[in-house]
């Protein structure tokens, strides 16, 4: 009888223990979650704004022509290095040469008339003194002299203009640099009737370049002249280049109701790897901190699972906290298997890490960055479905 009693008690103990174990197994997920955590460390962080721009030479000179005609000879081509005063091309001078000869002939004729008028006026003065001429006749002779002199000056100016036009048939480089583009070929006719056409473009110095980047108006208040910038180009994806903000241009550009401003970044291109027209992905450094406590942004996004009856009130409170406490953030640390909420003050962020300014977290503190059970639960439901 006693033996049967002991067996009964043992069976009850086993059943009770099994029930307790089963209860804990099936209900632990409601009270204790399995979290992914990360230990905080110190490091350097910088906050920046990003935009896309285009690499351009600091100075590009457009060489044109003041005279019309046929391109007789072309001396340069794309990528050629030129020096100041070097001949770039020649325009056929035959028509201008003929016009100059015509003007010169007219000048000679005007000069002869002027000499005749001068001699006549001198004789008129002598005759007037001797009383053989009236005052009116003398005035007529002097007026004729002035007219011939004016005509001579006019034709002389025309001759000078024709000489300049003839000299302009030889087009020289105004600066030393590299030929970026040419829009003409030998035998092509250029017309300079209404405006000066651009024939050749020369970059003065490719070792000094600039980036013209478009930044939105929201970022403009953070930008200042002299800020450091880094950028990348598709041609050299592994390389990172640096520059300095030189100018924030006041002329806005509006496209589809988006207002942007042109920000000019000076770039040193001593190795001549960067070419005009390349697309640059620019990051301008706004602030930088060294040896600060870094919090992963995943910890700021984490929210522990709550029951359905508490979810609505919890979300309302969280939304209210986010809108009223600017500069503050909420993170969770693991304490006795439970997620403990902490309110901390944050600094700058680079999109991946955020600076911690509060004393609630220290170097070596462990924060929750995710719920490892969330993925497992979804996977189980998918397999069950």
Foldseek 3Di string as FASTA:
>chain_A
DVVVVVVVVVVVVVVVVVVVVVCCVVCVVQPFFDFDKDFWFWWKDFAWDKFKWFKDFPDKDFFFFQAWAFWAFADDDAFDWDAAFAWGTFGDLVVLVVVLVVLVVQLVVLVVQLVVLVVVLVVVVVCVVVVNDDPVVSVVSVVSNVVSVVSNVVSVVVSVVSVVNSVRSGTGHRHTFTWHDADDDGGDIDHCPPHTDGGTMGRRDLQKMKIWTKDFPVCVVLDDFFFKKKKDFPVCRVDIFIWTWHDWDPDWDADPNTIITITMTMGGRNVSPDDGGTMIIMITTRDMDGGFIKDFCLQQVDDDDDDPVCVVVVVVVVVVCPVPDPQKTWGWAADPSDTDIDIFGWDHDHNTITGTDDPPDDRRGMTGRGGPVVVVVVVVVVVVD
